[in-house]
Amino acid sequence: MTETQTGIAHPAVIDLFGVDQKTGEILLVMNESRPWDGSHEQLHEMQEKFNAYASFILDGEMTEAHPELVGRKARIELRCQHVPNEEALGLLQAIHDQLE
């Protein structure tokens, strides 16, 4: 049996997918267990993972695979074991601003 690699270093994998029982929103979670080191590589990985999740939602793959979710709002969350550094927070803010 092989173990699926998760986390922002693996953009092709959805780390957690479900429905928030309080809001009814579709929840897609990105996990990051590594400390934020400020590297461009780690920031690029986070951007790539976000892009993959957004594509899964916006290109219709999600509702094609799960037609019962048509019409629901979706939310992408980043869950970290360590507080993101300034560069990571800046990228998260830029992503948030693009979605507003």
PDB file of N, CA and C in Angstrom:
ATOM      1  N   MET A   1       0.847  -1.171   0.000  1.00  0.00           N
ATOM      2  CA  MET A   1       0.000   0.000   0.000  1.00  0.00           C
ATOM      3  C   MET A   1       0.897   1.241   0.000  1.00  0.00           C
ATOM      4  N   THR A   2       0.597   2.197  -0.864  1.00  0.00           N
ATOM      5  CA  THR A   2       1.373   3.427  -0.900  1.00  0.00           C
ATOM      6  C   THR A   2       0.608   4.528  -0.193  1.00  0.00           C
ATOM      7  N   GLU A   3       1.352   5.397   0.446  1.00  0.00           N
ATOM      8  CA  GLU A   3       0.753   6.518   1.164  1.00  0.00           C
ATOM      9  C   GLU A   3       0.746   7.737   0.257  1.00  0.00           C
ATOM     10  N   THR A   4      -0.386   8.417   0.161  1.00  0.00           N
ATOM     11  CA  THR A   4      -0.485   9.617  -0.653  1.00  0.00           C
ATOM     12  C   THR A   4       0.225  10.765   0.045  1.00  0.00           C
ATOM     13  N   GLN A   5       1.057  11.459  -0.705  1.00  0.00           N
ATOM     14  CA  GLN A   5       1.755  12.623  -0.176  1.00  0.00           C
ATOM     15  C   GLN A   5       0.802  13.818  -0.194  1.00  0.00           C
ATOM     16  N   THR A   6       0.720  14.527   0.919  1.00  0.00           N
ATOM     17  CA  THR A   6      -0.142  15.703   0.996  1.00  0.00           C
ATOM     18  C   THR A   6       0.688  16.917   1.389  1.00  0.00           C
ATOM     19  N   GLY A   7       0.026  18.062   1.442  1.00  0.00           N
ATOM     20  CA  GLY A   7       0.687  19.307   1.801  1.00  0.00           C
ATOM     21  C   GLY A   7       0.907  20.162   0.569  1.00  0.00           C
ATOM     22  N   ILE A   8       1.350  21.393   0.795  1.00  0.00           N
ATOM     23  CA  ILE A   8       1.484  22.315  -0.334  1.00  0.00           C
ATOM     24  C   ILE A   8       2.572  21.897  -1.309  1.00  0.00           C
ATOM     25  N   ALA A   9       3.479  21.027  -0.903  1.00  0.00           N
ATOM     26  CA  ALA A   9       4.518  20.536  -1.812  1.00  0.00           C
ATOM     27  C   ALA A   9       3.953  19.584  -2.865  1.00  0.00           C
ATOM     28  N   HIS A  10       2.689  19.205  -2.725  1.00  0.00           N
ATOM     29  CA  HIS A  10       2.050  18.256  -3.642  1.00  0.00           C
ATOM     30  C   HIS A  10       0.761  18.865  -4.197  1.00  0.00           C
ATOM     31  N   PRO A  11       0.885  19.734  -5.219  1.00  0.00           N
ATOM     32  CA  PRO A  11      -0.279  20.482  -5.700  1.00  0.00           C
ATOM     33  C   PRO A  11      -1.363  19.637  -6.362  1.00  0.00           C
ATOM     34  N   ALA A  12      -1.042  18.444  -6.818  1.00  0.00           N
ATOM     35  CA  ALA A  12      -2.042  17.620  -7.500  1.00  0.00           C
ATOM     36  C   ALA A  12      -2.950  16.870  -6.529  1.00  0.00           C
ATOM     37  N   VAL A  13      -2.680  16.991  -5.230  1.00  0.00           N
ATOM     38  CA  VAL A  13      -3.441  16.257  -4.216  1.00  0.00           C
ATOM     39  C   VAL A  13      -4.293  17.231  -3.406  1.00  0.00           C
ATOM     40  N   ILE A  14      -5.581  16.934  -3.278  1.00  0.00           N
ATOM     41  CA  ILE A  14      -6.435  17.712  -2.381  1.00  0.00           C
ATOM     42  C   ILE A  14      -6.275  17.099  -0.997  1.00  0.00           C
ATOM     43  N   ASP A  15      -5.771  17.892  -0.060  1.00  0.00           N
ATOM     44  CA  ASP A  15      -5.441  17.377   1.269  1.00  0.00           C
ATOM     45  C   ASP A  15      -6.685  16.986   2.059  1.00  0.00           C
ATOM     46  N   LEU A  16      -7.718  17.813   1.993  1.00  0.00           N
ATOM     47  CA  LEU A  16      -8.964  17.526   2.697  1.00  0.00           C
ATOM     48  C   LEU A  16     -10.104  18.159   1.917  1.00  0.00           C
ATOM     49  N   PHE A  17     -11.180  17.406   1.746  1.00  0.00           N
ATOM     50  CA  PHE A  17     -12.324  17.852   0.958  1.00  0.00           C
ATOM     51  C   PHE A  17     -13.580  17.426   1.696  1.00  0.00           C
ATOM     52  N   GLY A  18     -14.483  18.375   1.922  1.00  0.00           N
ATOM     53  CA  GLY A  18     -15.714  18.028   2.614  1.00  0.00           C
ATOM     54  C   GLY A  18     -16.679  19.191   2.614  1.00  0.00           C
ATOM     55  N   VAL A  19     -17.719  19.063   3.410  1.00  0.00           N
ATOM     56  CA  VAL A  19     -18.727  20.113   3.541  1.00  0.00           C
ATOM     57  C   VAL A  19     -18.714  20.594   4.981  1.00  0.00           C
ATOM     58  N   ASP A  20     -18.606  21.913   5.159  1.00  0.00           N
ATOM     59  CA  ASP A  20     -18.660  22.516   6.490  1.00  0.00           C
ATOM     60  C   ASP A  20     -20.089  22.363   7.006  1.00  0.00           C
ATOM     61  N   GLN A  21     -20.258  21.648   8.082  1.00  0.00           N
ATOM     62  CA  GLN A  21     -21.597  21.351   8.607  1.00  0.00           C
ATOM     63  C   GLN A  21     -22.303  22.592   9.153  1.00  0.00           C
ATOM     64  N   LYS A  22     -21.543  23.613   9.543  1.00  0.00           N
ATOM     65  CA  LYS A  22     -22.161  24.843  10.064  1.00  0.00           C
ATOM     66  C   LYS A  22     -22.661  25.753   8.953  1.00  0.00           C
ATOM     67  N   THR A  23     -21.867  25.891   7.877  1.00  0.00           N
ATOM     68  CA  THR A  23     -22.202  26.849   6.822  1.00  0.00           C
ATOM     69  C   THR A  23     -22.777  26.202   5.569  1.00  0.00           C
ATOM     70  N   GLY A  24     -22.551  24.906   5.400  1.00  0.00           N
ATOM     71  CA  GLY A  24     -22.968  24.230   4.181  1.00  0.00           C
ATOM     72  C   GLY A  24     -22.015  24.444   3.021  1.00  0.00           C
ATOM     73  N   GLU A  25     -20.940  25.200   3.245  1.00  0.00           N
ATOM     74  CA  GLU A  25     -19.960  25.461   2.197  1.00  0.00           C
ATOM     75  C   GLU A  25     -19.096  24.228   1.946  1.00  0.00           C
ATOM     76  N   ILE A  26     -18.645  24.116   0.701  1.00  0.00           N
ATOM     77  CA  ILE A  26     -17.664  23.094   0.356  1.00  0.00           C
ATOM     78  C   ILE A  26     -16.327  23.584   0.900  1.00  0.00           C
ATOM     79  N   LEU A  27     -15.599  22.708   1.535  1.00  0.00           N
ATOM     80  CA  LEU A  27     -14.338  23.070   2.165  1.00  0.00           C
ATOM     81  C   LEU A  27     -13.210  22.268   1.536  1.00  0.00           C
ATOM     82  N   LEU A  28     -12.228  22.979   1.005  1.00  0.00           N
ATOM     83  CA  LEU A  28     -11.016  22.355   0.494  1.00  0.00           C
ATOM     84  C   LEU A  28      -9.866  22.888   1.340  1.00  0.00           C
ATOM     85  N   VAL A  29      -9.103  21.991   1.933  1.00  0.00           N
ATOM     86  CA  VAL A  29      -8.049  22.384   2.866  1.00  0.00           C
ATOM     87  C   VAL A  29      -6.682  22.041   2.292  1.00  0.00           C
ATOM     88  N   MET A  30      -5.774  23.019   2.374  1.00  0.00           N
ATOM     89  CA  MET A  30      -4.360  22.816   2.066  1.00  0.00           C
ATOM     90  C   MET A  30      -3.635  22.745   3.402  1.00  0.00           C
ATOM     91  N   ASN A  31      -2.780  21.754   3.572  1.00  0.00           N
ATOM     92  CA  ASN A  31      -2.012  21.619   4.811  1.00  0.00           C
ATOM     93  C   ASN A  31      -0.556  21.982   4.577  1.00  0.00           C
ATOM     94  N   GLU A  32       0.044  22.617   5.578  1.00  0.00           N
ATOM     95  CA  GLU A  32       1.484  22.883   5.560  1.00  0.00           C
ATOM     96  C   GLU A  32       2.037  22.574   6.938  1.00  0.00           C
ATOM     97  N   SER A  33       2.822  21.515   7.011  1.00  0.00           N
ATOM     98  CA  SER A  33       3.382  21.101   8.299  1.00  0.00           C
ATOM     99  C   SER A  33       4.784  21.648   8.520  1.00  0.00           C
ATOM    100  N   ARG A  34       5.415  22.111   7.453  1.00  0.00           N
ATOM    101  CA  ARG A  34       6.789  22.623   7.574  1.00  0.00           C
ATOM    102  C   ARG A  34       6.787  24.044   8.136  1.00  0.00           C
ATOM    103  N   PRO A  35       7.866  24.435   8.794  1.00  0.00           N
ATOM    104  CA  PRO A  35       8.000  25.839   9.202  1.00  0.00           C
ATOM    105  C   PRO A  35       8.098  26.718   7.950  1.00  0.00           C
ATOM    106  N   TRP A  36       7.632  27.942   8.056  1.00  0.00           N
ATOM    107  CA  TRP A  36       7.729  28.895   6.947  1.00  0.00           C
ATOM    108  C   TRP A  36       9.137  29.461   6.946  1.00  0.00           C
ATOM    109  N   ASP A  37       9.890  29.147   5.891  1.00  0.00           N
ATOM    110  CA  ASP A  37      11.295  29.543   5.846  1.00  0.00           C
ATOM    111  C   ASP A  37      11.548  30.771   4.984  1.00  0.00           C
ATOM    112  N   GLY A  38      10.507  31.307   4.372  1.00  0.00           N
ATOM    113  CA  GLY A  38      10.670  32.498   3.546  1.00  0.00           C
ATOM    114  C   GLY A  38      11.208  32.210   2.156  1.00  0.00           C
ATOM    115  N   SER A  39      11.349  30.935   1.813  1.00  0.00           N
ATOM    116  CA  SER A  39      11.912  30.592   0.503  1.00  0.00           C
ATOM    117  C   SER A  39      10.892  30.836  -0.605  1.00  0.00           C
ATOM    118  N   HIS A  40      11.429  31.186  -1.761  1.00  0.00           N
ATOM    119  CA  HIS A  40      10.564  31.360  -2.930  1.00  0.00           C
ATOM    120  C   HIS A  40       9.933  30.026  -3.317  1.00  0.00           C
ATOM    121  N   GLU A  41      10.654  28.925  -3.081  1.00  0.00           N
ATOM    122  CA  GLU A  41      10.131  27.597  -3.414  1.00  0.00           C
ATOM    123  C   GLU A  41       8.851  27.297  -2.634  1.00  0.00           C
ATOM    124  N   GLN A  42       8.858  27.573  -1.344  1.00  0.00           N
ATOM    125  CA  GLN A  42       7.684  27.289  -0.518  1.00  0.00           C
ATOM    126  C   GLN A  42       6.504  28.178  -0.925  1.00  0.00           C
ATOM    127  N   LEU A  43       6.773  29.451  -1.210  1.00  0.00           N
ATOM    128  CA  LEU A  43       5.708  30.353  -1.653  1.00  0.00           C
ATOM    129  C   LEU A  43       5.154  29.909  -3.006  1.00  0.00           C
ATOM    130  N   HIS A  44       6.043  29.483  -3.892  1.00  0.00           N
ATOM    131  CA  HIS A  44       5.613  28.994  -5.204  1.00  0.00           C
ATOM    132  C   HIS A  44       4.746  27.744  -5.047  1.00  0.00           C
ATOM    133  N   GLU A  45       5.133  26.852  -4.153  1.00  0.00           N
ATOM    134  CA  GLU A  45       4.340  25.648  -3.900  1.00  0.00           C
ATOM    135  C   GLU A  45       2.940  26.006  -3.409  1.00  0.00           C
ATOM    136  N   MET A  46       2.862  26.996  -2.507  1.00  0.00           N
ATOM    137  CA  MET A  46       1.553  27.408  -1.998  1.00  0.00           C
ATOM    138  C   MET A  46       0.705  27.989  -3.134  1.00  0.00           C
ATOM    139  N   GLN A  47       1.308  28.813  -3.981  1.00  0.00           N
ATOM    140  CA  GLN A  47       0.578  29.401  -5.109  1.00  0.00           C
ATOM    141  C   GLN A  47       0.099  28.309  -6.066  1.00  0.00           C
ATOM    142  N   GLU A  48       0.952  27.342  -6.355  1.00  0.00           N
ATOM    143  CA  GLU A  48       0.580  26.246  -7.252  1.00  0.00           C
ATOM    144  C   GLU A  48      -0.556  25.407  -6.673  1.00  0.00           C
ATOM    145  N   LYS A  49      -0.492  25.143  -5.379  1.00  0.00           N
ATOM    146  CA  LYS A  49      -1.541  24.356  -4.725  1.00  0.00           C
ATOM    147  C   LYS A  49      -2.864  25.122  -4.784  1.00  0.00           C
ATOM    148  N   PHE A  50      -2.817  26.413  -4.481  1.00  0.00           N
ATOM    149  CA  PHE A  50      -4.028  27.227  -4.553  1.00  0.00           C
ATOM    150  C   PHE A  50      -4.595  27.217  -5.977  1.00  0.00           C
ATOM    151  N   ASN A  51      -3.720  27.393  -6.977  1.00  0.00           N
ATOM    152  CA  ASN A  51      -4.176  27.394  -8.370  1.00  0.00           C
ATOM    153  C   ASN A  51      -4.851  26.076  -8.732  1.00  0.00           C
ATOM    154  N   ALA A  52      -4.297  24.968  -8.263  1.00  0.00           N
ATOM    155  CA  ALA A  52      -4.895  23.657  -8.542  1.00  0.00           C
ATOM    156  C   ALA A  52      -6.278  23.545  -7.900  1.00  0.00           C
ATOM    157  N   TYR A  53      -6.408  24.020  -6.665  1.00  0.00           N
ATOM    158  CA  TYR A  53      -7.705  23.977  -5.981  1.00  0.00           C
ATOM    159  C   TYR A  53      -8.716  24.869  -6.692  1.00  0.00           C
ATOM    160  N   ALA A  54      -8.288  26.087  -7.049  1.00  0.00           N
ATOM    161  CA  ALA A  54      -9.187  27.017  -7.734  1.00  0.00           C
ATOM    162  C   ALA A  54      -9.634  26.438  -9.073  1.00  0.00           C
ATOM    163  N   SER A  55      -8.718  25.818  -9.787  1.00  0.00           N
ATOM    164  CA  SER A  55      -9.055  25.191 -11.062  1.00  0.00           C
ATOM    165  C   SER A  55     -10.059  24.059 -10.867  1.00  0.00           C
ATOM    166  N   PHE A  56      -9.872  23.251  -9.837  1.00  0.00           N
ATOM    167  CA  PHE A  56     -10.781  22.151  -9.523  1.00  0.00           C
ATOM    168  C   PHE A  56     -12.203  22.672  -9.322  1.00  0.00           C
ATOM    169  N   ILE A  57     -12.310  23.832  -8.673  1.00  0.00           N
ATOM    170  CA  ILE A  57     -13.622  24.436  -8.421  1.00  0.00           C
ATOM    171  C   ILE A  57     -14.161  25.121  -9.676  1.00  0.00           C
ATOM    172  N   LEU A  58     -13.371  26.035 -10.244  1.00  0.00           N
ATOM    173  CA  LEU A  58     -13.854  26.909 -11.310  1.00  0.00           C
ATOM    174  C   LEU A  58     -14.029  26.214 -12.654  1.00  0.00           C
ATOM    175  N   ASP A  59     -13.231  25.184 -12.920  1.00  0.00           N
ATOM    176  CA  ASP A  59     -13.324  24.486 -14.204  1.00  0.00           C
ATOM    177  C   ASP A  59     -14.399  23.401 -14.216  1.00  0.00           C
ATOM    178  N   GLY A  60     -15.104  23.249 -13.100  1.00  0.00           N
ATOM    179  CA  GLY A  60     -16.220  22.319 -13.055  1.00  0.00           C
ATOM    180  C   GLY A  60     -15.874  20.881 -12.706  1.00  0.00           C
ATOM    181  N   GLU A  61     -14.588  20.609 -12.452  1.00  0.00           N
ATOM    182  CA  GLU A  61     -14.195  19.235 -12.102  1.00  0.00           C
ATOM    183  C   GLU A  61     -14.882  18.769 -10.818  1.00  0.00           C
ATOM    184  N   MET A  62     -14.973  19.678  -9.857  1.00  0.00           N
ATOM    185  CA  MET A  62     -15.546  19.317  -8.563  1.00  0.00           C
ATOM    186  C   MET A  62     -17.009  18.909  -8.710  1.00  0.00           C
ATOM    187  N   THR A  63     -17.796  19.732  -9.402  1.00  0.00           N
ATOM    188  CA  THR A  63     -19.222  19.421  -9.520  1.00  0.00           C
ATOM    189  C   THR A  63     -19.480  18.292 -10.513  1.00  0.00           C
ATOM    190  N   GLU A  64     -18.543  18.065 -11.426  1.00  0.00           N
ATOM    191  CA  GLU A  64     -18.669  16.910 -12.315  1.00  0.00           C
ATOM    192  C   GLU A  64     -18.500  15.621 -11.507  1.00  0.00           C
ATOM    193  N   ALA A  65     -17.532  15.632 -10.602  1.00  0.00           N
ATOM    194  CA  ALA A  65     -17.287  14.454  -9.762  1.00  0.00           C
ATOM    195  C   ALA A  65     -18.318  14.331  -8.638  1.00  0.00           C
ATOM    196  N   HIS A  66     -18.864  15.479  -8.204  1.00  0.00           N
ATOM    197  CA  HIS A  66     -19.812  15.508  -7.081  1.00  0.00           C
ATOM    198  C   HIS A  66     -21.000  16.400  -7.441  1.00  0.00           C
ATOM    199  N   PRO A  67     -21.905  15.929  -8.312  1.00  0.00           N
ATOM    200  CA  PRO A  67     -23.023  16.771  -8.765  1.00  0.00           C
ATOM    201  C   PRO A  67     -23.918  17.261  -7.632  1.00  0.00           C
ATOM    202  N   GLU A  68     -23.911  16.580  -6.504  1.00  0.00           N
ATOM    203  CA  GLU A  68     -24.723  17.021  -5.366  1.00  0.00           C
ATOM    204  C   GLU A  68     -24.234  18.348  -4.778  1.00  0.00           C
ATOM    205  N   LEU A  69     -23.046  18.800  -5.204  1.00  0.00           N
ATOM    206  CA  LEU A  69     -22.481  20.041  -4.673  1.00  0.00           C
ATOM    207  C   LEU A  69     -22.755  21.257  -5.557  1.00  0.00           C
ATOM    208  N   VAL A  70     -23.443  21.064  -6.662  1.00  0.00           N
ATOM    209  CA  VAL A  70     -23.755  22.177  -7.568  1.00  0.00           C
ATOM    210  C   VAL A  70     -24.508  23.256  -6.799  1.00  0.00           C
ATOM    211  N   GLY A  71     -24.085  24.501  -6.980  1.00  0.00           N
ATOM    212  CA  GLY A  71     -24.761  25.633  -6.361  1.00  0.00           C
ATOM    213  C   GLY A  71     -24.252  26.012  -4.983  1.00  0.00           C
ATOM    214  N   ARG A  72     -23.389  25.206  -4.403  1.00  0.00           N
ATOM    215  CA  ARG A  72     -22.853  25.541  -3.075  1.00  0.00           C
ATOM    216  C   ARG A  72     -21.620  26.425  -3.208  1.00  0.00           C
ATOM    217  N   LYS A  73     -21.437  27.298  -2.247  1.00  0.00           N
ATOM    218  CA  LYS A  73     -20.225  28.102  -2.176  1.00  0.00           C
ATOM    219  C   LYS A  73     -19.072  27.198  -1.756  1.00  0.00           C
ATOM    220  N   ALA A  74     -17.884  27.561  -2.209  1.00  0.00           N
ATOM    221  CA  ALA A  74     -16.690  26.797  -1.847  1.00  0.00           C
ATOM    222  C   ALA A  74     -15.703  27.707  -1.130  1.00  0.00           C
ATOM    223  N   ARG A  75     -14.957  27.112  -0.219  1.00  0.00           N
ATOM    224  CA  ARG A  75     -13.955  27.851   0.559  1.00  0.00           C
ATOM    225  C   ARG A  75     -12.660  27.046   0.558  1.00  0.00           C
ATOM    226  N   ILE A  76     -11.553  27.748   0.333  1.00  0.00           N
ATOM    227  CA  ILE A  76     -10.232  27.130   0.412  1.00  0.00           C
ATOM    228  C   ILE A  76      -9.570  27.636   1.685  1.00  0.00           C
ATOM    229  N   GLU A  77      -9.084  26.705   2.496  1.00  0.00           N
ATOM    230  CA  GLU A  77      -8.398  27.057   3.746  1.00  0.00           C
ATOM    231  C   GLU A  77      -6.969  26.550   3.706  1.00  0.00           C
ATOM    232  N   LEU A  78      -6.079  27.312   4.319  1.00  0.00           N
ATOM    233  CA  LEU A  78      -4.708  26.869   4.547  1.00  0.00           C
ATOM    234  C   LEU A  78      -4.568  26.601   6.035  1.00  0.00           C
ATOM    235  N   ARG A  79      -4.213  25.381   6.378  1.00  0.00           N
ATOM    236  CA  ARG A  79      -3.994  25.012   7.782  1.00  0.00           C
ATOM    237  C   ARG A  79      -2.511  24.737   7.972  1.00  0.00           C
ATOM    238  N   CYS A  80      -1.937  25.417   8.944  1.00  0.00           N
ATOM    239  CA  CYS A  80      -0.491  25.351   9.165  1.00  0.00           C
ATOM    240  C   CYS A  80      -0.177  24.917  10.589  1.00  0.00           C
ATOM    241  N   GLN A  81       0.939  24.214  10.739  1.00  0.00           N
ATOM    242  CA  GLN A  81       1.409  23.880  12.081  1.00  0.00           C
ATOM    243  C   GLN A  81       2.236  25.015  12.666  1.00  0.00           C
ATOM    244  N   HIS A  82       2.712  25.915  11.794  1.00  0.00           N
ATOM    245  CA  HIS A  82       3.528  27.048  12.219  1.00  0.00           C
ATOM    246  C   HIS A  82       2.912  28.323  11.652  1.00  0.00           C
ATOM    247  N   VAL A  83       3.042  29.416  12.367  1.00  0.00           N
ATOM    248  CA  VAL A  83       2.506  30.702  11.912  1.00  0.00           C
ATOM    249  C   VAL A  83       3.231  31.113  10.628  1.00  0.00           C
ATOM    250  N   PRO A  84       2.483  31.460   9.569  1.00  0.00           N
ATOM    251  CA  PRO A  84       3.132  31.895   8.327  1.00  0.00           C
ATOM    252  C   PRO A  84       3.973  33.151   8.550  1.00  0.00           C
ATOM    253  N   ASN A  85       5.075  33.238   7.815  1.00  0.00           N
ATOM    254  CA  ASN A  85       5.927  34.419   7.919  1.00  0.00           C
ATOM    255  C   ASN A  85       5.330  35.557   7.088  1.00  0.00           C
ATOM    256  N   GLU A  86       6.009  36.683   7.093  1.00  0.00           N
ATOM    257  CA  GLU A  86       5.503  37.887   6.431  1.00  0.00           C
ATOM    258  C   GLU A  86       5.286  37.675   4.933  1.00  0.00           C
ATOM    259  N   GLU A  87       6.222  36.987   4.276  1.00  0.00           N
ATOM    260  CA  GLU A  87       6.092  36.747   2.839  1.00  0.00           C
ATOM    261  C   GLU A  87       4.863  35.883   2.532  1.00  0.00           C
ATOM    262  N   ALA A  88       4.661  34.838   3.315  1.00  0.00           N
ATOM    263  CA  ALA A  88       3.510  33.957   3.105  1.00  0.00           C
ATOM    264  C   ALA A  88       2.206  34.709   3.361  1.00  0.00           C
ATOM    265  N   LEU A  89       2.176  35.518   4.411  1.00  0.00           N
ATOM    266  CA  LEU A  89       0.972  36.308   4.699  1.00  0.00           C
ATOM    267  C   LEU A  89       0.682  37.290   3.572  1.00  0.00           C
ATOM    268  N   GLY A  90       1.748  37.875   3.002  1.00  0.00           N
ATOM    269  CA  GLY A  90       1.576  38.785   1.876  1.00  0.00           C
ATOM    270  C   GLY A  90       0.969  38.092   0.666  1.00  0.00           C
ATOM    271  N   LEU A  91       1.442  36.877   0.385  1.00  0.00           N
ATOM    272  CA  LEU A  91       0.890  36.115  -0.735  1.00  0.00           C
ATOM    273  C   LEU A  91      -0.561  35.733  -0.469  1.00  0.00           C
ATOM    274  N   LEU A  92      -0.860  35.314   0.743  1.00  0.00           N
ATOM    275  CA  LEU A  92      -2.244  34.970   1.091  1.00  0.00           C
ATOM    276  C   LEU A  92      -3.163  36.175   0.940  1.00  0.00           C
ATOM    277  N   GLN A  93      -2.684  37.350   1.340  1.00  0.00           N
ATOM    278  CA  GLN A  93      -3.486  38.568   1.200  1.00  0.00           C
ATOM    279  C   GLN A  93      -3.709  38.894  -0.271  1.00  0.00           C
ATOM    280  N   ALA A  94      -2.673  38.724  -1.095  1.00  0.00           N
ATOM    281  CA  ALA A  94      -2.808  38.990  -2.529  1.00  0.00           C
ATOM    282  C   ALA A  94      -3.820  38.034  -3.163  1.00  0.00           C
ATOM    283  N   ILE A  95      -3.775  36.768  -2.777  1.00  0.00           N
ATOM    284  CA  ILE A  95      -4.743  35.786  -3.283  1.00  0.00           C
ATOM    285  C   ILE A  95      -6.153  36.188  -2.853  1.00  0.00           C
ATOM    286  N   HIS A  96      -6.309  36.543  -1.596  1.00  0.00           N
ATOM    287  CA  HIS A  96      -7.617  36.965  -1.070  1.00  0.00           C
ATOM    288  C   HIS A  96      -8.146  38.173  -1.837  1.00  0.00           C
ATOM    289  N   ASP A  97      -7.274  39.163  -2.061  1.00  0.00           N
ATOM    290  CA  ASP A  97      -7.687  40.380  -2.753  1.00  0.00           C
ATOM    291  C   ASP A  97      -8.131  40.096  -4.189  1.00  0.00           C
ATOM    292  N   GLN A  98      -7.483  39.134  -4.855  1.00  0.00           N
ATOM    293  CA  GLN A  98      -7.861  38.784  -6.227  1.00  0.00           C
ATOM    294  C   GLN A  98      -9.252  38.162  -6.276  1.00  0.00           C
ATOM    295  N   LEU A  99      -9.641  37.517  -5.194  1.00  0.00           N
ATOM    296  CA  LEU A  99     -10.934  36.832  -5.166  1.00  0.00           C
ATOM    297  C   LEU A  99     -12.084  37.742  -4.759  1.00  0.00           C
ATOM    298  N   GLU A 100     -11.774  38.899  -4.224  1.00  0.00           N
ATOM    299  CA  GLU A 100     -12.828  39.824  -3.783  1.00  0.00           C
ATOM    300  C   GLU A 100     -13.570  40.413  -4.957  1.00  0.00           C
TER     301      GLU A 100
END
